[in-house]
Amino acid sequence: MSSDQGRQTLDYQVSLTLGDHADDFDIPAIAEVLRDQGVTDIDAMESEEYWAVVNQHDRTAAADRTPVVDGERLEEMGTDDLLEVLRAHEGELPQGSVFATAWRLMERILTDGGIECLPAPWDGYGDHAPEGADDETRANLNARFLPQDPHDESTRPCVEIGTVQVYSYRKDGKLRVSVDTDGVDTEGPETRKGADGTVPMEITVNGKTVFEG
C-alpha cells in the first residue's frame, strides 16, 4: 500500500468515528499524529488514547464545545452515557486528585443511598409551585417519589404529598396500598385537616370510590 493510500485510509477511519462532527475537527492533523505514533488501524488503539488525540484538534474548542467521545459530544449524551464516560476517564486524573476522590465518594453515596442522597437542587426538595398557587396545587407540584431502600427491606416505595406518605408495593402476590398519616403536620398549609383533626381522604379504584372519610 502506498503512503498516499495509507494517508487516505487513516483519514477516512478518523472521519467515520466523528460522524456528523467531522467538520468540527482537523482530520488531516489527527491522522498525521496517529501515523507518527505508528498507527495504521485506529481500532487497535485504546479508546481513551484515541479520543484524547482527536479532541486536541477540535476546531470548535474556542467556542466552549464539549469533547467528543465515541463519536458523540458530551452535551448530546444522556445521563447513563455521561456516567460511563466519567467512570472510564476517572483514571486520567492525577494520583491523589481532590476531584477524583470527591467523585468516588459521591458515586459510592449515591449508589448506596439512592435518590434520597442527591444533593440540592437535585434532591427534589423545595417549592416548585408558581407564585400565587393554591395549597392543593402546591402540594401536588411538590410531591416526591421515595423508592424502596435496597439496603433496608422494611422500607416500601411511596409518594409523599405534603407530609402524608402513600405507599404502593407488591407483597404476597398482592398489590398493597397504604396511607401513613402518623407524621402529618396538620397545621401545615399543604395538609388540610378535617373537623376531627384528621386528614380528609377519598380512595378510588378504577374510578369508583371505595373509601371516604
N, C-alpha and C. Protein backbone atom coordinates (compact mmCIF):
# COMPACT_ATOMS: atom_id res chain seq x y z
N MET A 1 0.85 -1.19 0.00
CA MET A 1 0.00 0.00 0.00
C MET A 1 0.88 1.24 0.00
N SER A 2 0.62 2.17 -0.89
CA SER A 2 1.42 3.39 -0.99
C SER A 2 1.15 4.29 0.20
N SER A 3 2.06 5.30 0.39
CA SER A 3 1.86 6.24 1.51
C SER A 3 0.60 7.05 1.30
N ASP A 4 0.26 7.36 0.04
CA ASP A 4 -0.97 8.12 -0.24
C ASP A 4 -2.21 7.30 0.14
N GLN A 5 -2.16 5.98 -0.15
CA GLN A 5 -3.28 5.11 0.19
C GLN A 5 -3.43 5.01 1.71
N GLY A 6 -2.29 4.91 2.39
CA GLY A 6 -2.31 4.84 3.84
C GLY A 6 -2.86 6.10 4.44
N ARG A 7 -2.49 7.25 3.84
CA ARG A 7 -2.98 8.53 4.34
C ARG A 7 -4.49 8.62 4.18
N GLN A 8 -4.97 8.23 3.00
CA GLN A 8 -6.41 8.29 2.75
C GLN A 8 -7.18 7.34 3.66
N THR A 9 -6.61 6.15 3.87
CA THR A 9 -7.28 5.16 4.71
C THR A 9 -7.42 5.65 6.14
N LEU A 10 -6.34 6.18 6.72
CA LEU A 10 -6.38 6.65 8.10
C LEU A 10 -7.28 7.86 8.24
N ASP A 11 -7.20 8.80 7.29
CA ASP A 11 -8.09 9.95 7.30
C ASP A 11 -9.56 9.50 7.27
N TYR A 12 -9.82 8.51 6.44
CA TYR A 12 -11.19 8.02 6.30
C TYR A 12 -11.67 7.37 7.61
N GLN A 13 -10.80 6.59 8.23
CA GLN A 13 -11.16 5.95 9.50
C GLN A 13 -11.53 7.00 10.55
N VAL A 14 -10.72 8.06 10.62
CA VAL A 14 -10.99 9.13 11.59
C VAL A 14 -12.33 9.79 11.29
N SER A 15 -12.57 10.07 10.03
CA SER A 15 -13.82 10.75 9.66
C SER A 15 -15.03 9.90 10.01
N LEU A 16 -14.92 8.59 9.89
CA LEU A 16 -16.02 7.71 10.23
C LEU A 16 -16.34 7.77 11.73
N THR A 17 -15.31 7.85 12.56
CA THR A 17 -15.56 7.88 14.01
C THR A 17 -16.20 9.19 14.43
N LEU A 18 -15.99 10.25 13.68
CA LEU A 18 -16.52 11.56 14.04
C LEU A 18 -17.94 11.79 13.54
N GLY A 19 -18.35 11.03 12.54
CA GLY A 19 -19.72 11.13 12.05
C GLY A 19 -20.12 12.55 11.67
N ASP A 20 -21.22 13.02 12.23
CA ASP A 20 -21.74 14.35 11.91
C ASP A 20 -20.83 15.47 12.39
N HIS A 21 -19.87 15.15 13.25
CA HIS A 21 -18.98 16.18 13.81
C HIS A 21 -17.65 16.29 13.04
N ALA A 22 -17.54 15.60 11.92
CA ALA A 22 -16.28 15.56 11.17
C ALA A 22 -15.78 16.96 10.80
N ASP A 23 -16.69 17.85 10.44
CA ASP A 23 -16.28 19.20 10.02
C ASP A 23 -15.74 20.03 11.18
N ASP A 24 -15.99 19.58 12.42
CA ASP A 24 -15.51 20.34 13.58
C ASP A 24 -14.05 20.07 13.90
N PHE A 25 -13.44 19.08 13.22
CA PHE A 25 -12.09 18.65 13.57
C PHE A 25 -11.14 18.72 12.39
N ASP A 26 -9.87 18.89 12.72
CA ASP A 26 -8.81 18.90 11.70
C ASP A 26 -8.37 17.45 11.47
N ILE A 27 -9.06 16.78 10.57
CA ILE A 27 -8.84 15.35 10.36
C ILE A 27 -7.43 15.05 9.84
N PRO A 28 -6.90 15.80 8.87
CA PRO A 28 -5.52 15.52 8.42
C PRO A 28 -4.50 15.62 9.56
N ALA A 29 -4.69 16.60 10.47
CA ALA A 29 -3.76 16.74 11.59
C ALA A 29 -3.88 15.56 12.55
N ILE A 30 -5.10 15.10 12.78
CA ILE A 30 -5.30 13.94 13.64
C ILE A 30 -4.62 12.71 13.04
N ALA A 31 -4.86 12.50 11.75
CA ALA A 31 -4.28 11.35 11.08
C ALA A 31 -2.76 11.41 11.09
N GLU A 32 -2.21 12.61 10.97
CA GLU A 32 -0.75 12.78 10.96
C GLU A 32 -0.15 12.37 12.31
N VAL A 33 -0.82 12.78 13.39
CA VAL A 33 -0.35 12.40 14.74
C VAL A 33 -0.40 10.88 14.89
N LEU A 34 -1.47 10.27 14.43
CA LEU A 34 -1.61 8.83 14.55
C LEU A 34 -0.54 8.10 13.74
N ARG A 35 -0.24 8.61 12.54
CA ARG A 35 0.81 7.99 11.72
C ARG A 35 2.16 8.10 12.41
N ASP A 36 2.41 9.27 13.03
CA ASP A 36 3.68 9.45 13.75
C ASP A 36 3.81 8.47 14.90
N GLN A 37 2.67 8.03 15.43
CA GLN A 37 2.68 7.05 16.53
C GLN A 37 2.72 5.61 16.01
N GLY A 38 2.76 5.48 14.68
CA GLY A 38 2.82 4.15 14.09
C GLY A 38 1.48 3.46 13.95
N VAL A 39 0.40 4.23 14.09
CA VAL A 39 -0.94 3.66 13.99
C VAL A 39 -1.35 3.49 12.54
N THR A 40 -1.86 2.33 12.22
CA THR A 40 -2.40 2.09 10.88
C THR A 40 -3.87 1.72 10.93
N ASP A 41 -4.33 1.31 12.10
CA ASP A 41 -5.73 0.93 12.27
C ASP A 41 -6.18 1.46 13.64
N ILE A 42 -7.09 2.42 13.65
CA ILE A 42 -7.48 3.04 14.92
C ILE A 42 -8.24 2.08 15.83
N ASP A 43 -8.78 1.00 15.26
CA ASP A 43 -9.48 0.02 16.09
C ASP A 43 -8.52 -0.68 17.04
N ALA A 44 -7.22 -0.62 16.72
CA ALA A 44 -6.22 -1.27 17.58
C ALA A 44 -5.81 -0.38 18.74
N MET A 45 -6.28 0.88 18.76
CA MET A 45 -5.92 1.81 19.84
C MET A 45 -6.89 1.70 21.00
N GLU A 46 -6.42 2.09 22.18
CA GLU A 46 -7.31 2.24 23.33
C GLU A 46 -8.23 3.43 23.05
N SER A 47 -9.50 3.28 23.39
CA SER A 47 -10.48 4.33 23.10
C SER A 47 -10.08 5.66 23.72
N GLU A 48 -9.69 5.64 25.01
CA GLU A 48 -9.34 6.88 25.70
C GLU A 48 -8.16 7.57 25.01
N GLU A 49 -7.17 6.78 24.60
CA GLU A 49 -5.98 7.35 23.95
C GLU A 49 -6.34 7.98 22.61
N TYR A 50 -7.21 7.30 21.86
CA TYR A 50 -7.60 7.82 20.55
C TYR A 50 -8.36 9.13 20.68
N TRP A 51 -9.36 9.18 21.58
CA TRP A 51 -10.17 10.39 21.69
C TRP A 51 -9.40 11.55 22.30
N ALA A 52 -8.37 11.24 23.06
CA ALA A 52 -7.51 12.31 23.58
C ALA A 52 -6.79 13.01 22.42
N VAL A 53 -6.34 12.24 21.45
CA VAL A 53 -5.69 12.82 20.27
C VAL A 53 -6.71 13.62 19.45
N VAL A 54 -7.87 13.05 19.24
CA VAL A 54 -8.91 13.71 18.44
C VAL A 54 -9.28 15.06 19.02
N ASN A 55 -9.52 15.11 20.32
CA ASN A 55 -10.01 16.34 20.94
C ASN A 55 -8.96 17.43 21.03
N GLN A 56 -7.71 17.08 20.78
CA GLN A 56 -6.67 18.10 20.71
C GLN A 56 -6.75 18.89 19.41
N HIS A 57 -7.54 18.41 18.47
CA HIS A 57 -7.65 19.05 17.15
C HIS A 57 -9.09 19.45 16.85
N ASP A 58 -9.79 19.86 17.90
CA ASP A 58 -11.17 20.32 17.77
C ASP A 58 -11.17 21.80 17.39
N ARG A 59 -11.63 22.09 16.20
CA ARG A 59 -11.65 23.48 15.73
C ARG A 59 -12.63 24.34 16.51
N THR A 60 -13.60 23.73 17.15
CA THR A 60 -14.63 24.49 17.85
C THR A 60 -14.34 24.64 19.35
N ALA A 61 -13.18 24.19 19.80
CA ALA A 61 -12.87 24.23 21.23
C ALA A 61 -12.96 25.65 21.78
N ALA A 62 -12.59 26.63 20.96
CA ALA A 62 -12.63 28.03 21.42
C ALA A 62 -14.06 28.49 21.70
N ALA A 63 -15.03 27.78 21.13
CA ALA A 63 -16.43 28.13 21.33
C ALA A 63 -17.03 27.36 22.51
N ASP A 64 -16.15 26.78 23.33
CA ASP A 64 -16.57 26.05 24.53
C ASP A 64 -17.42 24.83 24.20
N ARG A 65 -17.16 24.20 23.08
CA ARG A 65 -17.85 22.94 22.79
C ARG A 65 -17.23 21.84 23.62
N THR A 66 -18.04 20.87 24.06
CA THR A 66 -17.51 19.78 24.86
C THR A 66 -16.81 18.75 23.97
N PRO A 67 -15.92 17.95 24.55
CA PRO A 67 -15.21 16.95 23.76
C PRO A 67 -16.14 15.90 23.17
N VAL A 68 -15.62 15.20 22.16
CA VAL A 68 -16.34 14.10 21.53
C VAL A 68 -15.79 12.79 22.07
N VAL A 69 -16.67 11.89 22.46
CA VAL A 69 -16.29 10.55 22.92
C VAL A 69 -17.15 9.55 22.19
N ASP A 70 -16.50 8.57 21.55
CA ASP A 70 -17.22 7.57 20.77
C ASP A 70 -18.16 8.21 19.76
N GLY A 71 -17.70 9.29 19.13
CA GLY A 71 -18.45 9.93 18.06
C GLY A 71 -19.58 10.83 18.51
N GLU A 72 -19.70 11.11 19.80
CA GLU A 72 -20.80 11.92 20.30
C GLU A 72 -20.28 12.96 21.28
N ARG A 73 -20.74 14.21 21.13
CA ARG A 73 -20.33 15.25 22.06
C ARG A 73 -21.00 15.02 23.41
N LEU A 74 -20.28 15.40 24.47
CA LEU A 74 -20.79 15.13 25.81
C LEU A 74 -22.16 15.76 26.04
N GLU A 75 -22.37 17.00 25.53
CA GLU A 75 -23.65 17.66 25.80
C GLU A 75 -24.82 16.99 25.08
N GLU A 76 -24.52 16.06 24.16
CA GLU A 76 -25.59 15.36 23.45
C GLU A 76 -25.92 14.03 24.10
N MET A 77 -25.14 13.62 25.09
CA MET A 77 -25.32 12.32 25.72
C MET A 77 -26.40 12.36 26.79
N GLY A 78 -26.99 11.20 27.04
CA GLY A 78 -27.89 11.05 28.17
C GLY A 78 -27.09 10.83 29.44
N THR A 79 -27.77 10.83 30.57
CA THR A 79 -27.06 10.72 31.85
C THR A 79 -26.38 9.37 32.02
N ASP A 80 -26.98 8.29 31.49
CA ASP A 80 -26.35 6.97 31.61
C ASP A 80 -25.00 6.95 30.89
N ASP A 81 -24.96 7.51 29.67
CA ASP A 81 -23.72 7.54 28.90
C ASP A 81 -22.69 8.46 29.55
N LEU A 82 -23.15 9.59 30.10
CA LEU A 82 -22.22 10.50 30.77
C LEU A 82 -21.58 9.83 31.99
N LEU A 83 -22.36 9.04 32.70
CA LEU A 83 -21.82 8.33 33.86
C LEU A 83 -20.75 7.34 33.42
N GLU A 84 -20.97 6.65 32.32
CA GLU A 84 -19.99 5.71 31.82
C GLU A 84 -18.71 6.43 31.40
N VAL A 85 -18.84 7.63 30.82
CA VAL A 85 -17.66 8.41 30.44
C VAL A 85 -16.87 8.81 31.69
N LEU A 86 -17.59 9.25 32.73
CA LEU A 86 -16.93 9.62 33.98
C LEU A 86 -16.13 8.44 34.54
N ARG A 87 -16.75 7.29 34.56
CA ARG A 87 -16.08 6.11 35.10
C ARG A 87 -14.88 5.70 34.26
N ALA A 88 -15.03 5.80 32.93
CA ALA A 88 -13.95 5.38 32.04
C ALA A 88 -12.73 6.30 32.11
N HIS A 89 -12.97 7.59 32.34
CA HIS A 89 -11.87 8.56 32.29
C HIS A 89 -11.40 9.03 33.67
N GLU A 90 -11.98 8.47 34.71
CA GLU A 90 -11.58 8.86 36.06
C GLU A 90 -10.08 8.61 36.29
N GLY A 91 -9.57 7.54 35.71
CA GLY A 91 -8.16 7.18 35.90
C GLY A 91 -7.18 8.15 35.27
N GLU A 92 -7.68 9.06 34.41
CA GLU A 92 -6.78 10.02 33.77
C GLU A 92 -6.39 11.15 34.73
N LEU A 93 -7.10 11.29 35.84
CA LEU A 93 -6.80 12.35 36.79
C LEU A 93 -5.55 12.00 37.59
N PRO A 94 -4.80 13.02 38.02
CA PRO A 94 -3.57 12.77 38.78
C PRO A 94 -3.83 11.99 40.06
N GLN A 95 -2.85 11.19 40.47
CA GLN A 95 -2.96 10.44 41.72
C GLN A 95 -3.21 11.40 42.89
N GLY A 96 -4.20 11.08 43.70
CA GLY A 96 -4.49 11.93 44.85
C GLY A 96 -5.33 13.15 44.50
N SER A 97 -5.83 13.23 43.28
CA SER A 97 -6.65 14.37 42.86
C SER A 97 -7.87 14.53 43.76
N VAL A 98 -8.11 15.75 44.22
CA VAL A 98 -9.28 16.02 45.06
C VAL A 98 -10.56 15.71 44.29
N PHE A 99 -10.58 16.08 43.00
CA PHE A 99 -11.78 15.84 42.19
C PHE A 99 -12.05 14.35 42.09
N ALA A 100 -11.02 13.55 41.81
CA ALA A 100 -11.22 12.10 41.66
C ALA A 100 -11.72 11.49 42.97
N THR A 101 -11.13 11.91 44.08
CA THR A 101 -11.54 11.38 45.38
C THR A 101 -12.98 11.76 45.70
N ALA A 102 -13.33 13.04 45.44
CA ALA A 102 -14.70 13.51 45.70
C ALA A 102 -15.70 12.76 44.81
N TRP A 103 -15.32 12.52 43.56
CA TRP A 103 -16.21 11.81 42.64
C TRP A 103 -16.46 10.38 43.11
N ARG A 104 -15.40 9.68 43.57
CA ARG A 104 -15.56 8.31 44.04
C ARG A 104 -16.48 8.26 45.26
N LEU A 105 -16.31 9.22 46.17
CA LEU A 105 -17.16 9.27 47.36
C LEU A 105 -18.61 9.55 46.97
N MET A 106 -18.83 10.50 46.05
CA MET A 106 -20.18 10.83 45.62
C MET A 106 -20.84 9.63 44.95
N GLU A 107 -20.11 8.92 44.10
CA GLU A 107 -20.67 7.76 43.42
C GLU A 107 -21.05 6.68 44.44
N ARG A 108 -20.21 6.48 45.45
CA ARG A 108 -20.50 5.47 46.47
C ARG A 108 -21.74 5.86 47.27
N ILE A 109 -21.85 7.14 47.63
CA ILE A 109 -23.00 7.62 48.42
C ILE A 109 -24.29 7.46 47.62
N LEU A 110 -24.27 7.86 46.34
CA LEU A 110 -25.47 7.78 45.52
C LEU A 110 -25.85 6.33 45.23
N THR A 111 -24.85 5.46 45.06
CA THR A 111 -25.11 4.05 44.81
C THR A 111 -25.76 3.40 46.02
N ASP A 112 -25.24 3.70 47.21
CA ASP A 112 -25.76 3.08 48.43
C ASP A 112 -27.07 3.71 48.89
N GLY A 113 -27.17 5.05 48.75
CA GLY A 113 -28.33 5.75 49.30
C GLY A 113 -29.42 6.07 48.33
N GLY A 114 -29.13 6.05 47.03
CA GLY A 114 -30.15 6.33 46.03
C GLY A 114 -30.57 7.78 46.00
N ILE A 115 -31.78 8.02 45.51
CA ILE A 115 -32.27 9.37 45.24
C ILE A 115 -32.33 10.23 46.50
N GLU A 116 -32.50 9.58 47.66
CA GLU A 116 -32.58 10.35 48.90
C GLU A 116 -31.27 11.07 49.21
N CYS A 117 -30.17 10.62 48.60
CA CYS A 117 -28.86 11.23 48.88
C CYS A 117 -28.45 12.26 47.83
N LEU A 118 -29.33 12.56 46.88
CA LEU A 118 -28.99 13.57 45.89
C LEU A 118 -28.78 14.92 46.56
N PRO A 119 -27.72 15.65 46.15
CA PRO A 119 -27.52 16.99 46.72
C PRO A 119 -28.49 17.99 46.12
N ALA A 120 -28.72 19.08 46.83
CA ALA A 120 -29.56 20.16 46.29
C ALA A 120 -28.87 20.74 45.06
N PRO A 121 -29.58 21.15 44.02
CA PRO A 121 -31.05 21.22 43.97
C PRO A 121 -31.70 19.99 43.33
N TRP A 122 -30.95 18.88 43.21
CA TRP A 122 -31.47 17.70 42.51
C TRP A 122 -32.22 16.75 43.42
N ASP A 123 -32.32 17.05 44.70
CA ASP A 123 -32.93 16.12 45.63
C ASP A 123 -34.45 16.17 45.63
N GLY A 124 -35.04 17.08 44.89
CA GLY A 124 -36.50 17.15 44.80
C GLY A 124 -37.15 17.97 45.88
N TYR A 125 -36.34 18.40 46.87
CA TYR A 125 -36.91 19.24 47.92
C TYR A 125 -37.07 20.66 47.39
N GLY A 126 -37.88 21.43 48.10
CA GLY A 126 -38.05 22.82 47.70
C GLY A 126 -39.44 23.06 47.14
N ASP A 127 -39.72 24.31 46.88
CA ASP A 127 -41.04 24.71 46.39
C ASP A 127 -40.99 24.90 44.89
N HIS A 128 -41.70 24.03 44.17
CA HIS A 128 -41.71 24.09 42.70
C HIS A 128 -42.97 24.73 42.15
N ALA A 129 -43.86 25.16 43.04
CA ALA A 129 -45.12 25.75 42.60
C ALA A 129 -44.94 27.21 42.22
N PRO A 130 -45.70 27.69 41.24
CA PRO A 130 -45.60 29.10 40.84
C PRO A 130 -46.16 30.01 41.93
N GLU A 131 -45.73 31.24 41.90
CA GLU A 131 -46.21 32.21 42.89
C GLU A 131 -47.73 32.36 42.78
N GLY A 132 -48.39 32.37 43.93
CA GLY A 132 -49.83 32.52 43.94
C GLY A 132 -50.61 31.22 43.83
N ALA A 133 -49.89 30.07 43.74
CA ALA A 133 -50.58 28.79 43.63
C ALA A 133 -51.34 28.48 44.92
N ASP A 134 -52.50 27.83 44.80
CA ASP A 134 -53.25 27.47 46.00
C ASP A 134 -52.59 26.28 46.68
N ASP A 135 -53.06 25.97 47.89
CA ASP A 135 -52.41 24.94 48.70
C ASP A 135 -52.44 23.56 48.03
N GLU A 136 -53.55 23.21 47.39
CA GLU A 136 -53.63 21.89 46.76
C GLU A 136 -52.68 21.78 45.58
N THR A 137 -52.64 22.84 44.75
CA THR A 137 -51.72 22.84 43.61
C THR A 137 -50.28 22.75 44.10
N ARG A 138 -49.96 23.50 45.14
CA ARG A 138 -48.60 23.49 45.69
C ARG A 138 -48.22 22.10 46.20
N ALA A 139 -49.17 21.45 46.89
CA ALA A 139 -48.91 20.10 47.42
C ALA A 139 -48.65 19.12 46.28
N ASN A 140 -49.46 19.19 45.22
CA ASN A 140 -49.31 18.26 44.09
C ASN A 140 -48.01 18.49 43.33
N LEU A 141 -47.65 19.76 43.11
CA LEU A 141 -46.43 20.06 42.36
C LEU A 141 -45.17 19.73 43.15
N ASN A 142 -45.27 19.73 44.48
CA ASN A 142 -44.10 19.45 45.31
C ASN A 142 -44.07 18.00 45.80
N ALA A 143 -44.97 17.17 45.28
CA ALA A 143 -44.96 15.75 45.67
C ALA A 143 -43.65 15.09 45.25
N ARG A 144 -43.21 14.11 46.05
CA ARG A 144 -41.96 13.42 45.75
C ARG A 144 -42.17 11.91 45.76
N PHE A 145 -41.43 11.22 44.89
CA PHE A 145 -41.42 9.76 44.92
C PHE A 145 -40.22 9.30 45.74
N LEU A 146 -40.46 8.41 46.69
CA LEU A 146 -39.40 7.87 47.53
C LEU A 146 -39.30 6.37 47.25
N PRO A 147 -38.24 5.92 46.58
CA PRO A 147 -38.13 4.49 46.26
C PRO A 147 -37.76 3.67 47.50
N GLN A 148 -37.94 2.38 47.38
CA GLN A 148 -37.55 1.49 48.48
C GLN A 148 -36.03 1.48 48.61
N ASP A 149 -35.55 1.49 49.83
CA ASP A 149 -34.11 1.44 50.10
C ASP A 149 -33.62 0.02 49.85
N PRO A 150 -32.69 -0.18 48.89
CA PRO A 150 -32.24 -1.54 48.59
C PRO A 150 -31.52 -2.21 49.76
N HIS A 151 -31.12 -1.42 50.76
CA HIS A 151 -30.41 -1.97 51.91
C HIS A 151 -31.30 -2.11 53.14
N ASP A 152 -32.58 -1.81 53.00
CA ASP A 152 -33.49 -1.88 54.14
C ASP A 152 -34.81 -2.48 53.67
N GLU A 153 -35.03 -3.76 53.96
CA GLU A 153 -36.22 -4.47 53.47
C GLU A 153 -37.50 -3.99 54.13
N SER A 154 -37.38 -3.23 55.22
CA SER A 154 -38.58 -2.74 55.90
C SER A 154 -39.18 -1.53 55.20
N THR A 155 -38.47 -0.93 54.27
CA THR A 155 -38.98 0.25 53.58
C THR A 155 -39.82 -0.17 52.38
N ARG A 156 -40.67 0.75 51.91
CA ARG A 156 -41.51 0.50 50.75
C ARG A 156 -41.55 1.77 49.89
N PRO A 157 -41.75 1.62 48.57
CA PRO A 157 -41.86 2.81 47.71
C PRO A 157 -43.11 3.61 48.04
N CYS A 158 -42.98 4.92 48.02
CA CYS A 158 -44.16 5.73 48.33
C CYS A 158 -44.10 7.09 47.64
N VAL A 159 -45.25 7.72 47.59
CA VAL A 159 -45.36 9.10 47.13
C VAL A 159 -45.65 9.96 48.35
N GLU A 160 -44.87 11.00 48.53
CA GLU A 160 -45.06 11.91 49.66
C GLU A 160 -45.73 13.18 49.17
N ILE A 161 -46.91 13.47 49.69
CA ILE A 161 -47.67 14.66 49.30
C ILE A 161 -47.87 15.50 50.55
N GLY A 162 -47.24 16.65 50.59
CA GLY A 162 -47.21 17.40 51.82
C GLY A 162 -46.44 16.60 52.85
N THR A 163 -47.09 16.23 53.95
CA THR A 163 -46.44 15.37 54.93
C THR A 163 -47.13 14.01 55.04
N VAL A 164 -48.01 13.71 54.08
CA VAL A 164 -48.67 12.41 54.01
C VAL A 164 -47.88 11.51 53.08
N GLN A 165 -47.70 10.24 53.47
CA GLN A 165 -46.99 9.28 52.63
C GLN A 165 -47.95 8.17 52.21
N VAL A 166 -48.05 7.96 50.88
CA VAL A 166 -48.92 6.93 50.32
C VAL A 166 -48.03 5.84 49.72
N TYR A 167 -48.11 4.64 50.28
CA TYR A 167 -47.26 3.52 49.86
C TYR A 167 -48.02 2.61 48.90
N SER A 168 -47.32 2.16 47.87
CA SER A 168 -47.89 1.21 46.92
C SER A 168 -46.79 0.21 46.57
N TYR A 169 -47.05 -1.08 46.85
CA TYR A 169 -46.00 -2.08 46.66
C TYR A 169 -46.60 -3.48 46.51
N ARG A 170 -45.79 -4.40 46.04
CA ARG A 170 -46.21 -5.79 45.88
C ARG A 170 -45.76 -6.61 47.09
N LYS A 171 -46.65 -7.46 47.59
CA LYS A 171 -46.30 -8.37 48.68
C LYS A 171 -47.29 -9.53 48.71
N ASP A 172 -46.74 -10.76 48.85
CA ASP A 172 -47.57 -11.97 48.93
C ASP A 172 -48.51 -12.09 47.74
N GLY A 173 -48.01 -11.69 46.57
CA GLY A 173 -48.82 -11.81 45.36
C GLY A 173 -49.91 -10.77 45.21
N LYS A 174 -49.91 -9.77 46.09
CA LYS A 174 -50.95 -8.75 46.03
C LYS A 174 -50.33 -7.36 45.87
N LEU A 175 -51.12 -6.46 45.29
CA LEU A 175 -50.74 -5.05 45.25
C LEU A 175 -51.30 -4.41 46.51
N ARG A 176 -50.43 -3.90 47.35
CA ARG A 176 -50.88 -3.28 48.60
C ARG A 176 -50.73 -1.77 48.51
N VAL A 177 -51.72 -1.07 49.02
CA VAL A 177 -51.70 0.39 49.08
C VAL A 177 -51.99 0.78 50.52
N SER A 178 -51.14 1.61 51.10
CA SER A 178 -51.37 2.05 52.48
C SER A 178 -51.05 3.53 52.59
N VAL A 179 -51.69 4.16 53.55
CA VAL A 179 -51.50 5.59 53.78
C VAL A 179 -50.98 5.80 55.19
N ASP A 180 -49.90 6.56 55.30
CA ASP A 180 -49.30 6.83 56.61
C ASP A 180 -49.52 8.30 56.96
N THR A 181 -50.30 8.54 58.00
CA THR A 181 -50.55 9.92 58.43
C THR A 181 -49.98 10.18 59.83
N ASP A 182 -49.16 9.23 60.32
CA ASP A 182 -48.62 9.38 61.68
C ASP A 182 -47.78 10.64 61.83
N GLY A 183 -47.02 10.96 60.78
CA GLY A 183 -46.14 12.12 60.89
C GLY A 183 -46.70 13.37 60.25
N VAL A 184 -48.02 13.40 60.04
CA VAL A 184 -48.64 14.52 59.33
C VAL A 184 -48.62 15.80 60.17
N ASP A 185 -48.21 16.86 59.51
CA ASP A 185 -48.28 18.19 60.13
C ASP A 185 -49.63 18.77 59.73
N THR A 186 -50.64 18.58 60.57
CA THR A 186 -51.99 19.01 60.21
C THR A 186 -52.17 20.52 60.26
N GLU A 187 -51.13 21.21 60.74
CA GLU A 187 -51.19 22.67 60.75
C GLU A 187 -50.59 23.26 59.47
N GLY A 188 -49.90 22.40 58.72
CA GLY A 188 -49.23 22.90 57.51
C GLY A 188 -50.22 23.22 56.42
N PRO A 189 -49.93 24.21 55.59
CA PRO A 189 -50.87 24.63 54.53
C PRO A 189 -51.07 23.57 53.46
N GLU A 190 -50.12 22.62 53.30
CA GLU A 190 -50.24 21.61 52.25
C GLU A 190 -50.98 20.37 52.74
N THR A 191 -51.32 20.30 54.01
CA THR A 191 -52.04 19.15 54.54
C THR A 191 -53.25 19.65 55.32
N ARG A 192 -54.40 19.73 54.65
CA ARG A 192 -55.61 20.23 55.29
C ARG A 192 -56.15 19.18 56.26
N LYS A 193 -56.65 19.59 57.36
CA LYS A 193 -57.25 18.67 58.33
C LYS A 193 -58.76 18.90 58.41
N GLY A 194 -59.46 17.84 58.83
CA GLY A 194 -60.90 17.94 58.99
C GLY A 194 -61.26 18.44 60.38
N ALA A 195 -62.56 18.43 60.66
CA ALA A 195 -63.04 18.93 61.95
C ALA A 195 -62.52 18.09 63.11
N ASP A 196 -62.26 16.79 62.85
CA ASP A 196 -61.78 15.91 63.92
C ASP A 196 -60.26 15.88 64.00
N GLY A 197 -59.60 16.73 63.23
CA GLY A 197 -58.14 16.80 63.29
C GLY A 197 -57.43 15.80 62.41
N THR A 198 -58.18 14.97 61.66
CA THR A 198 -57.56 14.00 60.76
C THR A 198 -57.55 14.54 59.33
N VAL A 199 -56.82 13.86 58.45
CA VAL A 199 -56.72 14.28 57.05
C VAL A 199 -57.89 13.71 56.26
N PRO A 200 -58.76 14.54 55.68
CA PRO A 200 -59.86 14.04 54.84
C PRO A 200 -59.29 13.20 53.70
N MET A 201 -59.96 12.08 53.39
CA MET A 201 -59.40 11.15 52.44
C MET A 201 -60.49 10.51 51.59
N GLU A 202 -60.18 10.30 50.32
CA GLU A 202 -61.05 9.55 49.41
C GLU A 202 -60.19 8.60 48.61
N ILE A 203 -60.55 7.33 48.61
CA ILE A 203 -59.77 6.32 47.89
C ILE A 203 -60.66 5.73 46.80
N THR A 204 -60.13 5.72 45.59
CA THR A 204 -60.89 5.17 44.46
C THR A 204 -60.14 4.02 43.81
N VAL A 205 -60.87 3.10 43.22
CA VAL A 205 -60.31 2.01 42.42
C VAL A 205 -61.04 1.99 41.09
N ASN A 206 -60.29 2.20 40.02
CA ASN A 206 -60.90 2.25 38.67
C ASN A 206 -62.03 3.28 38.60
N GLY A 207 -61.85 4.41 39.31
CA GLY A 207 -62.80 5.49 39.25
C GLY A 207 -63.96 5.36 40.24
N LYS A 208 -64.03 4.23 40.96
CA LYS A 208 -65.12 4.02 41.91
C LYS A 208 -64.60 4.28 43.33
N THR A 209 -65.31 5.10 44.09
CA THR A 209 -64.90 5.41 45.46
C THR A 209 -65.14 4.20 46.35
N VAL A 210 -64.06 3.73 47.01
CA VAL A 210 -64.18 2.58 47.91
C VAL A 210 -64.03 2.99 49.36
N PHE A 211 -63.55 4.20 49.58
CA PHE A 211 -63.45 4.71 50.96
C PHE A 211 -63.50 6.23 50.92
N GLU A 212 -64.20 6.80 51.88
CA GLU A 212 -64.23 8.25 52.02
C GLU A 212 -64.41 8.57 53.49
N GLY A 213 -63.58 9.45 54.00
CA GLY A 213 -63.69 9.79 55.41
C GLY A 213 -62.72 10.88 55.83
